[in-house]
Amino acid sequence: MVASTTEQLTALASTTVVVHPLVLLSVTDHHARSVLRNSSKRVIGVLLGQDNGKTVNVANSFGIPFEEDEKDSKTWFLDHNYIEGMYDMFRKVNARERMIGWYHTGPKLRASDQEINDLFKRYIAKPVMVIVDVRPDTVGIPTDAYYAVEEIKDDGTETRKTFLHVPSAIEAEEAEEIGVEHLLRDIKDSTTTTLGTRVSEQLASLQGLQSRLRDVHNYLQDVAEGTLPVNHQIIYHLQDALNLLPDLSESALMQSFTSSTNDQLLVVYLSSLFRAVIALHALVDNKATIGRAEFEEGGDEKEKDKTLANGDAKKLEEEAKDGENGKDSSKSDANKGL
């Protein structure tokens, strides 16, 4: 494990781990095939990609056989030969993708992570550990990246082994974006409207923000109660975030917010008014169309009745004439007989 001073830890914390969608899909498929739905077991695999110093590009992965005692997390088994065999085959396919670390589906850190990370140091000097949260109710980025370090205090106190959290991001190349779009097109419900989709996405974003604020609140509460030590780096980041918040006590700022809100509400009001007018116009037009059609159908029925009546009268007249002609012919026949 690499021993690091405060400056080295700060430099290491600036490293960004970029995870590609192919890795997320592979990890999710590995978990779905290996673990039961209601089980708390996790799966472990190897991460492949490139380490460019400030950026770690995780482009591919493969799962490995792993067993762990649910009651005692320090009792576990991992197949070393499988790792070496799979890595040799992947290297033949793409020599640019090298082993850069490992992943597991936590969803949190566990006691055996340090020992497993020491095992991966046989293959790579500085392995990165990525925890992928595969739970379906996860909000936000489902990845957390860590580096195992042996922290050396500047005051000369005893060193301790710990994990250093580093930023992670989800990025995709053009080919991956097309594949993800096709996949989401099959998953999403096509019956939902665009407005409903936008509202659901904004709701998911707000839920993610709420979960992050809850984590910050719990951390500060633990620090205030003395459960966790004070991390000045976290406090500095929180202070920077709070400094970016607007000062709502200023009247000019409140007036600006009010004017912007009123403008948006005016647009909403006018849109609702126009929608109502258009709906009433469509209703009146539909009513007029139906009345016109009924009137035309009624006129056609009257003409048909007149035609039928005239036809019946003509038939009666013809029958009467035929009767009179029959009487005349019978009289003439009788005169001839006499």
Protein backbone atom coordinates (compact mmCIF):
# COMPACT_ATOMS: atom_id res chain seq x y z
CA MET A 1 0.00 0.00 0.00
CA VAL A 2 1.37 3.44 -0.94
CA ALA A 3 2.33 5.67 1.97
CA SER A 4 1.14 9.21 1.34
CA THR A 5 1.60 12.57 3.01
CA THR A 6 -1.08 15.25 3.07
CA GLU A 7 0.19 16.81 -0.18
CA GLN A 8 0.28 13.44 -1.93
CA LEU A 9 -3.24 12.65 -0.74
CA THR A 10 -4.44 15.98 -2.10
CA ALA A 11 -2.83 15.26 -5.47
CA LEU A 12 -4.32 11.76 -5.53
CA ALA A 13 -7.78 13.10 -4.64
CA SER A 14 -7.74 15.23 -7.81
CA THR A 15 -7.73 12.08 -9.97
CA THR A 16 -11.00 11.49 -11.82
CA VAL A 17 -12.25 7.99 -12.58
CA VAL A 18 -14.30 7.89 -15.80
CA VAL A 19 -16.61 4.87 -16.09
CA HIS A 20 -18.12 3.92 -19.46
CA PRO A 21 -21.70 2.62 -19.87
CA LEU A 22 -20.40 -0.74 -21.10
CA VAL A 23 -18.87 -1.31 -17.67
CA LEU A 24 -22.12 -0.47 -15.89
CA LEU A 25 -24.08 -2.84 -18.12
CA SER A 26 -21.52 -5.60 -17.63
CA VAL A 27 -21.54 -5.21 -13.84
CA THR A 28 -25.34 -5.17 -13.71
CA ASP A 29 -25.54 -8.29 -15.87
CA HIS A 30 -22.93 -10.02 -13.68
CA HIS A 31 -24.93 -9.22 -10.53
CA ALA A 32 -28.25 -10.28 -12.07
CA ARG A 33 -26.85 -13.64 -13.18
CA SER A 34 -24.96 -14.45 -9.98
CA VAL A 35 -27.04 -13.11 -7.07
CA LEU A 36 -30.63 -13.73 -6.09
CA ARG A 37 -32.97 -10.75 -6.10
CA ASN A 38 -33.46 -10.49 -2.32
CA SER A 39 -29.91 -11.48 -1.39
CA SER A 40 -27.30 -9.12 0.09
CA LYS A 41 -24.36 -10.83 -1.59
CA ARG A 42 -22.00 -8.87 -3.80
CA VAL A 43 -20.03 -9.70 -6.92
CA ILE A 44 -16.44 -8.77 -7.74
CA GLY A 45 -14.71 -8.21 -11.05
CA VAL A 46 -11.68 -6.70 -12.76
CA LEU A 47 -11.60 -3.26 -14.39
CA LEU A 48 -9.73 -2.70 -17.65
CA GLY A 49 -8.73 0.58 -19.27
CA GLN A 50 -6.03 3.24 -19.24
CA ASP A 51 -4.47 5.24 -16.41
CA ASN A 52 -3.46 8.65 -17.76
CA GLY A 53 -2.35 10.12 -14.46
CA LYS A 54 -5.08 12.66 -13.72
CA THR A 55 -7.77 10.57 -15.42
CA VAL A 56 -8.46 6.85 -15.10
CA ASN A 57 -10.48 5.63 -18.07
CA VAL A 58 -12.48 2.46 -17.21
CA ALA A 59 -13.53 1.06 -20.59
CA ASN A 60 -14.16 -2.64 -19.95
CA SER A 61 -14.53 -5.23 -17.21
CA PHE A 62 -15.10 -8.91 -16.51
CA GLY A 63 -16.48 -10.76 -13.51
CA ILE A 64 -14.52 -13.26 -11.44
CA PRO A 65 -15.63 -16.14 -9.16
CA PHE A 66 -15.97 -14.85 -5.60
CA GLU A 67 -17.46 -16.31 -2.44
CA GLU A 68 -17.89 -14.57 0.89
CA ASP A 69 -19.26 -15.60 4.26
CA GLU A 70 -22.30 -13.44 5.01
CA LYS A 71 -21.73 -13.68 8.75
CA ASP A 72 -17.97 -13.05 8.63
CA SER A 73 -16.91 -10.72 5.81
CA LYS A 74 -13.23 -11.48 6.40
CA THR A 75 -13.76 -15.06 5.21
CA TRP A 76 -13.75 -14.99 1.42
CA PHE A 77 -12.43 -16.84 -1.64
CA LEU A 78 -11.21 -15.42 -4.95
CA ASP A 79 -9.89 -17.43 -7.92
CA HIS A 80 -6.44 -16.08 -8.91
CA ASN A 81 -5.99 -18.40 -11.88
CA TYR A 82 -9.27 -17.21 -13.40
CA ILE A 83 -8.08 -13.59 -13.22
CA GLU A 84 -4.81 -14.38 -14.98
CA GLY A 85 -6.47 -16.49 -17.69
CA MET A 86 -9.19 -13.94 -18.48
CA TYR A 87 -6.73 -11.03 -18.49
CA ASP A 88 -4.48 -12.85 -20.97
CA MET A 89 -7.44 -13.40 -23.32
CA PHE A 90 -8.57 -9.77 -23.05
CA ARG A 91 -5.03 -8.56 -23.71
CA LYS A 92 -4.95 -10.57 -26.95
CA VAL A 93 -8.16 -8.86 -28.10
CA ASN A 94 -7.19 -5.30 -27.09
CA ALA A 95 -3.64 -4.69 -25.88
CA ARG A 96 -4.41 -1.07 -24.93
CA GLU A 97 -6.77 -2.11 -22.16
CA ARG A 98 -4.72 -2.92 -19.10
CA MET A 99 -5.75 -3.96 -15.62
CA ILE A 100 -6.34 -0.80 -13.59
CA GLY A 101 -8.34 -2.02 -10.61
CA TRP A 102 -11.40 -3.94 -9.46
CA TYR A 103 -15.05 -3.40 -8.65
CA HIS A 104 -17.72 -4.78 -6.35
CA THR A 105 -21.44 -4.13 -5.86
CA GLY A 106 -21.22 -3.17 -2.16
CA PRO A 107 -23.21 -0.97 -2.03
CA LYS A 108 -20.87 0.28 0.74
CA LEU A 109 -17.32 -0.38 1.89
CA ARG A 110 -16.73 -3.65 3.74
CA ALA A 111 -14.10 -4.92 6.14
CA SER A 112 -12.49 -7.28 3.62
CA ASP A 113 -11.93 -4.60 0.96
CA GLN A 114 -8.43 -3.82 2.23
CA GLU A 115 -7.35 -7.46 1.97
CA ILE A 116 -8.85 -7.87 -1.51
CA ASN A 117 -7.14 -4.66 -2.62
CA ASP A 118 -3.80 -5.98 -1.33
CA LEU A 119 -4.35 -9.09 -3.44
CA PHE A 120 -4.85 -7.00 -6.59
CA LYS A 121 -1.57 -5.23 -5.89
CA ARG A 122 0.08 -8.38 -7.23
CA TYR A 123 -1.07 -7.33 -10.72
CA ILE A 124 -1.01 -3.52 -10.47
CA ALA A 125 0.84 -1.13 -8.19
CA LYS A 126 -2.02 1.31 -7.57
CA PRO A 127 -5.39 -0.39 -8.12
CA VAL A 128 -8.55 1.69 -8.12
CA MET A 129 -11.65 0.27 -6.45
CA VAL A 130 -15.05 1.23 -7.86
CA ILE A 131 -18.26 0.44 -5.99
CA VAL A 132 -21.18 0.10 -8.43
CA ASP A 133 -24.60 0.38 -6.83
CA VAL A 134 -26.88 -1.88 -8.89
CA ARG A 135 -30.03 -1.31 -6.84
CA PRO A 136 -32.92 -0.14 -9.04
CA ASP A 137 -33.94 2.64 -6.64
CA THR A 138 -30.54 4.31 -6.81
CA VAL A 139 -30.69 8.05 -7.52
CA GLY A 140 -27.72 9.86 -9.03
CA ILE A 141 -24.39 8.46 -10.23
CA PRO A 142 -24.20 4.79 -9.20
CA THR A 143 -20.39 4.70 -8.87
CA ASP A 144 -17.97 5.55 -6.05
CA ALA A 145 -14.22 5.32 -6.66
CA TYR A 146 -11.55 4.81 -3.99
CA TYR A 147 -7.79 4.42 -3.67
CA ALA A 148 -6.28 2.47 -0.79
CA VAL A 149 -3.65 4.57 0.99
CA GLU A 150 -1.59 4.42 4.13
CA GLU A 151 -2.06 7.87 5.54
CA ILE A 152 0.96 9.45 7.23
CA LYS A 153 0.09 12.35 9.50
CA ASP A 154 2.23 15.44 9.42
CA ASP A 155 2.33 15.53 13.21
CA GLY A 156 4.12 12.15 13.35
CA THR A 157 1.25 10.12 14.76
CA GLU A 158 0.69 6.48 13.87
CA THR A 159 -0.18 5.69 10.26
CA ARG A 160 -3.45 4.02 9.38
CA LYS A 161 -4.82 2.21 6.36
CA THR A 162 -7.84 3.76 4.77
CA PHE A 163 -9.61 4.38 1.49
CA LEU A 164 -9.41 7.76 -0.21
CA HIS A 165 -12.52 8.77 -2.14
CA VAL A 166 -11.88 10.24 -5.59
CA PRO A 167 -14.34 11.85 -8.02
CA SER A 168 -16.03 9.60 -10.58
CA ALA A 169 -17.97 10.39 -13.76
CA ILE A 170 -19.97 8.58 -16.42
CA GLU A 171 -18.84 9.28 -19.98
CA ALA A 172 -19.46 7.54 -23.27
CA GLU A 173 -18.06 7.56 -26.77
CA GLU A 174 -20.24 8.13 -29.81
CA ALA A 175 -20.79 4.42 -30.51
CA GLU A 176 -21.69 3.82 -26.85
CA GLU A 177 -24.15 6.71 -26.85
CA ILE A 178 -25.99 5.21 -29.83
CA GLY A 179 -26.19 1.82 -28.11
CA VAL A 180 -27.43 3.34 -24.85
CA GLU A 181 -30.09 5.36 -26.71
CA HIS A 182 -31.39 2.23 -28.41
CA LEU A 183 -31.41 0.39 -25.08
CA LEU A 184 -33.30 3.18 -23.31
CA ARG A 185 -35.75 3.36 -26.21
CA ASP A 186 -36.69 -0.27 -25.55
CA ILE A 187 -36.87 0.21 -21.77
CA LYS A 188 -38.82 3.47 -21.54
CA ASP A 189 -42.58 3.50 -21.87
CA SER A 190 -43.49 4.95 -25.25
CA THR A 191 -46.98 5.93 -24.07
CA THR A 192 -45.67 8.67 -21.75
CA THR A 193 -45.61 12.18 -23.13
CA THR A 194 -42.55 14.38 -23.40
CA LEU A 195 -43.80 16.60 -20.58
CA GLY A 196 -44.28 13.61 -18.29
CA THR A 197 -40.76 12.39 -19.09
CA ARG A 198 -39.27 15.80 -18.30
CA VAL A 199 -41.13 16.01 -15.01
CA SER A 200 -40.00 12.52 -13.99
CA GLU A 201 -36.38 13.38 -14.83
CA GLN A 202 -36.54 16.59 -12.79
CA LEU A 203 -38.10 14.66 -9.91
CA ALA A 204 -35.24 12.14 -10.02
CA SER A 205 -32.72 15.00 -9.98
CA LEU A 206 -34.39 16.59 -6.96
CA GLN A 207 -34.41 13.23 -5.17
CA GLY A 208 -30.68 12.88 -5.86
CA LEU A 209 -30.05 16.38 -4.48
CA GLN A 210 -32.09 15.54 -1.40
CA SER A 211 -30.08 12.37 -0.77
CA ARG A 212 -26.79 14.31 -1.07
CA LEU A 213 -28.02 16.98 1.35
CA ARG A 214 -29.12 14.25 3.76
CA ASP A 215 -25.62 12.72 3.64
CA VAL A 216 -24.07 16.12 4.36
CA HIS A 217 -26.47 16.66 7.26
CA ASN A 218 -25.68 13.24 8.75
CA TYR A 219 -21.94 13.84 8.41
CA LEU A 220 -22.07 17.24 10.10
CA GLN A 221 -24.24 15.83 12.86
CA ASP A 222 -21.77 12.98 13.47
CA VAL A 223 -18.89 15.47 13.56
CA ALA A 224 -20.76 17.69 16.03
CA GLU A 225 -21.47 14.71 18.28
CA GLY A 226 -17.84 13.55 18.13
CA THR A 227 -18.60 10.28 16.32
CA LEU A 228 -16.44 11.21 13.31
CA PRO A 229 -13.24 13.29 13.23
CA VAL A 230 -13.19 16.68 11.54
CA ASN A 231 -12.02 16.54 7.91
CA HIS A 232 -10.96 20.05 6.99
CA GLN A 233 -10.99 19.29 3.26
CA ILE A 234 -14.71 18.41 3.44
CA ILE A 235 -15.41 21.52 5.52
CA TYR A 236 -13.63 23.69 2.93
CA HIS A 237 -15.74 22.20 0.12
CA LEU A 238 -18.94 22.75 2.11
CA GLN A 239 -17.93 26.34 2.79
CA ASP A 240 -17.31 26.93 -0.93
CA ALA A 241 -20.72 25.47 -1.74
CA LEU A 242 -22.44 27.67 0.86
CA ASN A 243 -20.64 30.75 -0.45
CA LEU A 244 -22.23 30.15 -3.87
CA LEU A 245 -25.73 30.43 -2.41
CA PRO A 246 -27.45 33.78 -3.04
CA ASP A 247 -28.11 36.22 -0.20
CA LEU A 248 -31.91 36.29 0.03
CA SER A 249 -31.88 39.16 2.50
CA GLU A 250 -31.12 41.72 -0.24
CA SER A 251 -34.22 43.48 -1.54
CA ALA A 252 -32.84 43.86 -5.08
CA LEU A 253 -32.23 40.12 -5.35
CA MET A 254 -35.68 39.31 -3.99
CA GLN A 255 -37.26 41.75 -6.43
CA SER A 256 -35.37 40.11 -9.29
CA PHE A 257 -36.55 36.64 -8.21
CA THR A 258 -40.11 37.93 -7.89
CA SER A 259 -40.06 39.55 -11.35
CA SER A 260 -38.67 36.40 -12.94
CA THR A 261 -41.29 34.26 -11.19
CA ASN A 262 -44.09 36.61 -12.23
CA ASP A 263 -42.92 36.52 -15.86
CA GLN A 264 -42.92 32.74 -15.85
CA LEU A 265 -46.36 32.59 -14.21
CA LEU A 266 -47.69 35.09 -16.78
CA VAL A 267 -46.55 32.81 -19.59
CA VAL A 268 -48.25 29.87 -17.86
CA TYR A 269 -51.46 31.89 -17.40
CA LEU A 270 -51.55 33.01 -21.05
CA SER A 271 -50.87 29.46 -22.20
CA SER A 272 -53.77 28.16 -20.11
CA LEU A 273 -56.03 30.93 -21.45
CA PHE A 274 -55.13 30.20 -25.07
CA ARG A 275 -55.61 26.49 -24.47
CA ALA A 276 -59.09 27.14 -23.05
CA VAL A 277 -60.09 29.40 -25.98
CA ILE A 278 -58.87 26.84 -28.50
CA ALA A 279 -60.76 24.08 -26.69
CA LEU A 280 -64.00 26.14 -26.69
CA HIS A 281 -63.56 26.96 -30.37
CA ALA A 282 -63.07 23.29 -31.16
CA LEU A 283 -66.16 22.43 -29.10
CA VAL A 284 -68.33 25.01 -30.93
CA ASP A 285 -66.97 23.94 -34.31
CA ASN A 286 -67.66 20.31 -33.50
CA LYS A 287 -71.20 21.16 -32.39
CA ALA A 288 -71.86 23.10 -35.60
CA THR A 289 -70.48 20.27 -37.72
CA ILE A 290 -72.68 17.72 -35.99
CA GLY A 291 -75.79 19.97 -36.37
CA ARG A 292 -75.07 20.52 -40.06
CA ALA A 293 -74.67 16.80 -40.63
CA GLU A 294 -77.94 16.05 -38.79
CA PHE A 295 -79.76 18.71 -40.82
CA GLU A 296 -78.50 17.27 -44.09
CA GLU A 297 -79.47 13.77 -43.01
CA GLY A 298 -82.97 15.04 -42.09
CA GLY A 299 -83.43 16.72 -45.52
CA ASP A 300 -82.38 13.56 -47.30
CA GLU A 301 -84.91 11.54 -45.32
CA LYS A 302 -87.73 13.98 -46.19
CA GLU A 303 -86.87 13.80 -49.92
CA LYS A 304 -86.85 10.02 -49.67
CA ASP A 305 -90.28 10.09 -47.99
CA LYS A 306 -91.64 12.39 -50.73
CA THR A 307 -90.21 10.15 -53.43
CA LEU A 308 -91.72 7.10 -51.81
CA ALA A 309 -95.08 8.82 -51.46
CA ASN A 310 -95.10 9.93 -55.09
CA GLY A 311 -94.13 6.45 -56.19
CA ASP A 312 -96.98 4.93 -54.16
CA ALA A 313 -99.49 7.38 -55.66
CA LYS A 314 -98.37 6.57 -59.17
CA LYS A 315 -98.68 2.87 -58.46
CA LEU A 316 -102.20 3.38 -57.16
CA GLU A 317 -103.17 5.39 -60.23
CA GLU A 318 -101.72 2.75 -62.50
CA GLU A 319 -103.58 0.01 -60.65
CA ALA A 320 -106.82 2.01 -60.91
CA LYS A 321 -106.33 2.48 -64.63
CA ASP A 322 -105.57 -1.20 -65.05
CA GLY A 323 -108.80 -2.00 -63.19
CA GLU A 324 -110.88 0.29 -65.40
CA ASN A 325 -109.30 -1.19 -68.51
CA GLY A 326 -110.09 -4.65 -67.22
CA LYS A 327 -113.74 -3.71 -66.70
CA ASP A 328 -114.03 -2.24 -70.24
CA SER A 329 -112.49 -5.35 -71.78
CA SER A 330 -114.87 -7.62 -69.88
CA LYS A 331 -117.86 -5.57 -71.05
CA SER A 332 -116.70 -5.75 -74.68
CA ASP A 333 -116.26 -9.52 -74.37
CA ALA A 334 -119.76 -9.86 -72.99
CA ASN A 335 -121.27 -7.81 -75.88
CA LYS A 336 -119.45 -9.95 -78.41
CA GLY A 337 -120.84 -13.09 -76.81
CA LEU A 338 -124.35 -11.77 -77.14
